[in-house]
Structure formats: C-alpha cells, structure tokens
C-alpha cells in the first residue's frame, strides 16, 4: 500500500467505508504516498497506456486476454475486495478500454517533476 505494508480501511475510499462510489482526489490524506501522491489505492483503478502482455521472462500465452487490444488498469477501486487484497498498487487487470466502462475505473494525469 502507498502508506505501508498493512491494509488500513480509513486511508482510502474502499468498500468497507460504505461510500459505494468515487470521491474527490485527496479526500483521504492519510493514504498519501511518502511522495504526497494521493489515491494510489482505493477510489478507482487506473487505466494505463500499457498493452496487456506477459511480463519479461513470463510465458507469453499464460493469459487468454494477453494482447495489444487490451490495456492494463492498475491498483484497486472502491468496489474491489472487502479485505484490501485487491486494492494494492501492484494489482493488475485489463480489458478493451472502449467497452470496459465501470464506475471504479479512471485514469491519472501526470507530468515530469521540474
């Protein structure tokens, strides 16, 4: 998790909190990373521009969804899991963005630090 090794439901927008929808970025300040990045766990999973392909060294045919038509979404949204297991920053899922709309999937705008 962005704040450490233990799941703390109060540090983000998770199913356990009962909100059952998205919240404004930064609503859970205790869940920020040591670098001040907000909502790295909970609230919404994040689409990336990465193709859903095998990690280097892994079997290329290990997942039937592998391919360039499916893009990776990372992390976990407010609806993922009731015990914190699916809301970690390393969780990875995928789908075709054009047909994979869900109220717990979003994206993050980022830029290089100056």
C-alpha atoms as a PDB file:
ATOM      1  CA  UNK A   1       0.000   0.000   0.000  1.00  0.00           C
ATOM      2  CA  UNK A   2       1.214   3.571  -0.509  1.00  0.00           C
ATOM      3  CA  UNK A   3       1.418   4.123   3.262  1.00  0.00           C
ATOM      4  CA  UNK A   4       2.998   0.787   4.284  1.00  0.00           C
ATOM      5  CA  UNK A   5       2.509  -2.977   4.423  1.00  0.00           C
ATOM      6  CA  UNK A   6      -0.831  -3.175   6.236  1.00  0.00           C
ATOM      7  CA  UNK A   7      -4.322  -2.506   4.894  1.00  0.00           C
ATOM      8  CA  UNK A   8      -5.898   0.442   6.729  1.00  0.00           C
ATOM      9  CA  UNK A   9      -9.509   0.969   5.540  1.00  0.00           C
ATOM     10  CA  UNK A  10      -9.573   4.555   6.831  1.00  0.00           C
ATOM     11  CA  UNK A  11      -6.705   5.536   4.492  1.00  0.00           C
ATOM     12  CA  UNK A  12      -8.757   5.475   1.321  1.00  0.00           C
ATOM     13  CA  UNK A  13     -12.082   5.024  -0.397  1.00  0.00           C
ATOM     14  CA  UNK A  14     -12.660   1.290  -0.006  1.00  0.00           C
ATOM     15  CA  UNK A  15     -15.773  -0.870   0.010  1.00  0.00           C
ATOM     16  CA  UNK A  16     -15.565  -1.166   3.793  1.00  0.00           C
ATOM     17  CA  UNK A  17     -16.076   2.577   4.200  1.00  0.00           C
ATOM     18  CA  UNK A  18     -19.632   2.396   2.891  1.00  0.00           C
ATOM     19  CA  UNK A  19     -19.422   5.307   0.422  1.00  0.00           C
ATOM     20  CA  UNK A  20     -20.089   2.947  -2.528  1.00  0.00           C
ATOM     21  CA  UNK A  21     -18.884   5.358  -5.184  1.00  0.00           C
ATOM     22  CA  UNK A  22     -15.985   7.597  -6.120  1.00  0.00           C
ATOM     23  CA  UNK A  23     -14.730  10.502  -4.037  1.00  0.00           C
ATOM     24  CA  UNK A  24     -12.737  13.632  -4.845  1.00  0.00           C
ATOM     25  CA  UNK A  25      -8.990  13.067  -5.125  1.00  0.00           C
ATOM     26  CA  UNK A  26      -7.294  13.869  -1.831  1.00  0.00           C
ATOM     27  CA  UNK A  27     -10.286  13.081   0.384  1.00  0.00           C
ATOM     28  CA  UNK A  28      -8.165  10.635   2.403  1.00  0.00           C
ATOM     29  CA  UNK A  29      -4.921  12.460   3.210  1.00  0.00           C
ATOM     30  CA  UNK A  30      -3.629   9.693   5.496  1.00  0.00           C
ATOM     31  CA  UNK A  31      -3.491   7.420   2.448  1.00  0.00           C
ATOM     32  CA  UNK A  32      -0.996   9.542   0.517  1.00  0.00           C
ATOM     33  CA  UNK A  33       2.322   8.032  -0.504  1.00  0.00           C
ATOM     34  CA  UNK A  34       5.568   9.280   1.084  1.00  0.00           C
ATOM     35  CA  UNK A  35       5.896  11.453  -2.044  1.00  0.00           C
ATOM     36  CA  UNK A  36       2.488  13.054  -1.473  1.00  0.00           C
ATOM     37  CA  UNK A  37       0.715  11.193  -4.280  1.00  0.00           C
ATOM     38  CA  UNK A  38      -2.982  10.749  -3.468  1.00  0.00           C
ATOM     39  CA  UNK A  39      -5.339   7.824  -4.102  1.00  0.00           C
ATOM     40  CA  UNK A  40      -2.779   5.228  -5.191  1.00  0.00           C
ATOM     41  CA  UNK A  41      -5.015   2.592  -3.572  1.00  0.00           C
ATOM     42  CA  UNK A  42      -8.784   2.666  -3.475  1.00  0.00           C
ATOM     43  CA  UNK A  43     -11.234   5.061  -5.153  1.00  0.00           C
ATOM     44  CA  UNK A  44     -10.613   3.997  -8.785  1.00  0.00           C
ATOM     45  CA  UNK A  45      -8.429   1.556 -10.679  1.00  0.00           C
ATOM     46  CA  UNK A  46      -6.359   3.423 -13.259  1.00  0.00           C
ATOM     47  CA  UNK A  47      -6.150   2.808 -16.980  1.00  0.00           C
ATOM     48  CA  UNK A  48      -2.645   2.884 -18.396  1.00  0.00           C
ATOM     49  CA  UNK A  49      -1.409   3.002 -21.981  1.00  0.00           C
ATOM     50  CA  UNK A  50       0.338  -0.362 -21.465  1.00  0.00           C
ATOM     51  CA  UNK A  51      -0.642  -3.342 -23.593  1.00  0.00           C
ATOM     52  CA  UNK A  52      -1.736  -6.369 -21.562  1.00  0.00           C
ATOM     53  CA  UNK A  53       1.188  -8.638 -22.390  1.00  0.00           C
ATOM     54  CA  UNK A  54       3.356 -11.016 -20.383  1.00  0.00           C
ATOM     55  CA  UNK A  55       5.996  -9.577 -18.104  1.00  0.00           C
ATOM     56  CA  UNK A  56       9.555 -10.136 -19.372  1.00  0.00           C
ATOM     57  CA  UNK A  57      10.549 -13.753 -18.776  1.00  0.00           C
ATOM     58  CA  UNK A  58       6.973 -14.999 -18.307  1.00  0.00           C
ATOM     59  CA  UNK A  59       5.137 -17.338 -20.670  1.00  0.00           C
ATOM     60  CA  UNK A  60       3.570 -15.291 -23.480  1.00  0.00           C
ATOM     61  CA  UNK A  61       0.459 -17.489 -23.571  1.00  0.00           C
ATOM     62  CA  UNK A  62      -0.178 -17.567 -19.815  1.00  0.00           C
ATOM     63  CA  UNK A  63      -3.360 -15.464 -20.020  1.00  0.00           C
ATOM     64  CA  UNK A  64      -6.057 -15.676 -22.720  1.00  0.00           C
ATOM     65  CA  UNK A  65      -6.534 -11.899 -22.515  1.00  0.00           C
ATOM     66  CA  UNK A  66      -2.910 -11.087 -23.418  1.00  0.00           C
ATOM     67  CA  UNK A  67      -2.718  -8.879 -26.480  1.00  0.00           C
ATOM     68  CA  UNK A  68      -2.365  -5.338 -27.688  1.00  0.00           C
ATOM     69  CA  UNK A  69      -6.137  -4.768 -27.874  1.00  0.00           C
ATOM     70  CA  UNK A  70      -6.412  -4.976 -24.077  1.00  0.00           C
ATOM     71  CA  UNK A  71      -4.885  -2.231 -21.953  1.00  0.00           C
ATOM     72  CA  UNK A  72      -3.758  -2.552 -18.340  1.00  0.00           C
ATOM     73  CA  UNK A  73      -5.544  -0.989 -15.418  1.00  0.00           C
ATOM     74  CA  UNK A  74      -3.688  -0.989 -12.123  1.00  0.00           C
ATOM     75  CA  UNK A  75      -4.492  -0.687  -8.469  1.00  0.00           C
ATOM     76  CA  UNK A  76      -7.918  -1.221  -7.000  1.00  0.00           C
ATOM     77  CA  UNK A  77     -11.104   0.790  -6.907  1.00  0.00           C
ATOM     78  CA  UNK A  78     -13.682   1.358  -4.202  1.00  0.00           C
ATOM     79  CA  UNK A  79     -15.509  -1.844  -5.198  1.00  0.00           C
ATOM     80  CA  UNK A  80     -12.510  -4.227  -5.228  1.00  0.00           C
ATOM     81  CA  UNK A  81     -12.460  -6.651  -2.338  1.00  0.00           C
ATOM     82  CA  UNK A  82     -13.660  -6.404   1.207  1.00  0.00           C
ATOM     83  CA  UNK A  83     -10.332  -7.090   2.907  1.00  0.00           C
ATOM     84  CA  UNK A  84      -7.846  -4.990   0.966  1.00  0.00           C
ATOM     85  CA  UNK A  85      -6.327  -7.775  -1.115  1.00  0.00           C
ATOM     86  CA  UNK A  86      -7.303  -6.291  -4.490  1.00  0.00           C
ATOM     87  CA  UNK A  87      -6.678  -2.622  -3.786  1.00  0.00           C
ATOM     88  CA  UNK A  88      -2.892  -2.786  -3.673  1.00  0.00           C
ATOM     89  CA  UNK A  89      -0.857  -0.702  -6.086  1.00  0.00           C
ATOM     90  CA  UNK A  90       0.556  -3.844  -7.728  1.00  0.00           C
ATOM     91  CA  UNK A  91      -2.850  -5.328  -8.669  1.00  0.00           C
ATOM     92  CA  UNK A  92      -3.167  -5.605 -12.467  1.00  0.00           C
ATOM     93  CA  UNK A  93      -6.208  -6.232 -14.653  1.00  0.00           C
ATOM     94  CA  UNK A  94      -7.051  -5.467 -18.270  1.00  0.00           C
ATOM     95  CA  UNK A  95      -9.716  -5.059 -20.892  1.00  0.00           C
ATOM     96  CA  UNK A  96     -10.541  -3.207 -24.078  1.00  0.00           C
ATOM     97  CA  UNK A  97     -10.982   0.447 -22.996  1.00  0.00           C
ATOM     98  CA  UNK A  98     -13.775   1.157 -25.478  1.00  0.00           C
ATOM     99  CA  UNK A  99     -16.079  -1.425 -23.888  1.00  0.00           C
ATOM    100  CA  UNK A 100     -14.808  -1.674 -20.312  1.00  0.00           C
ATOM    101  CA  UNK A 101     -16.534   1.272 -18.659  1.00  0.00           C
ATOM    102  CA  UNK A 102     -17.082   0.921 -14.931  1.00  0.00           C
ATOM    103  CA  UNK A 103     -17.657   3.370 -12.093  1.00  0.00           C
ATOM    104  CA  UNK A 104     -14.467   2.316 -10.343  1.00  0.00           C
ATOM    105  CA  UNK A 105     -12.051   2.747 -13.268  1.00  0.00           C
ATOM    106  CA  UNK A 106     -10.409   6.076 -14.068  1.00  0.00           C
ATOM    107  CA  UNK A 107      -7.073   7.439 -15.191  1.00  0.00           C
ATOM    108  CA  UNK A 108      -4.298   9.571 -13.733  1.00  0.00           C
ATOM    109  CA  UNK A 109      -2.821  12.621 -15.412  1.00  0.00           C
ATOM    110  CA  UNK A 110       0.864  13.008 -14.665  1.00  0.00           C
ATOM    111  CA  UNK A 111       3.841  15.022 -15.774  1.00  0.00           C
ATOM    112  CA  UNK A 112       7.548  15.009 -15.110  1.00  0.00           C
ATOM    113  CA  UNK A 113       8.646  16.857 -11.984  1.00  0.00           C
ATOM    114  CA  UNK A 114      10.649  20.018 -12.577  1.00  0.00           C
END
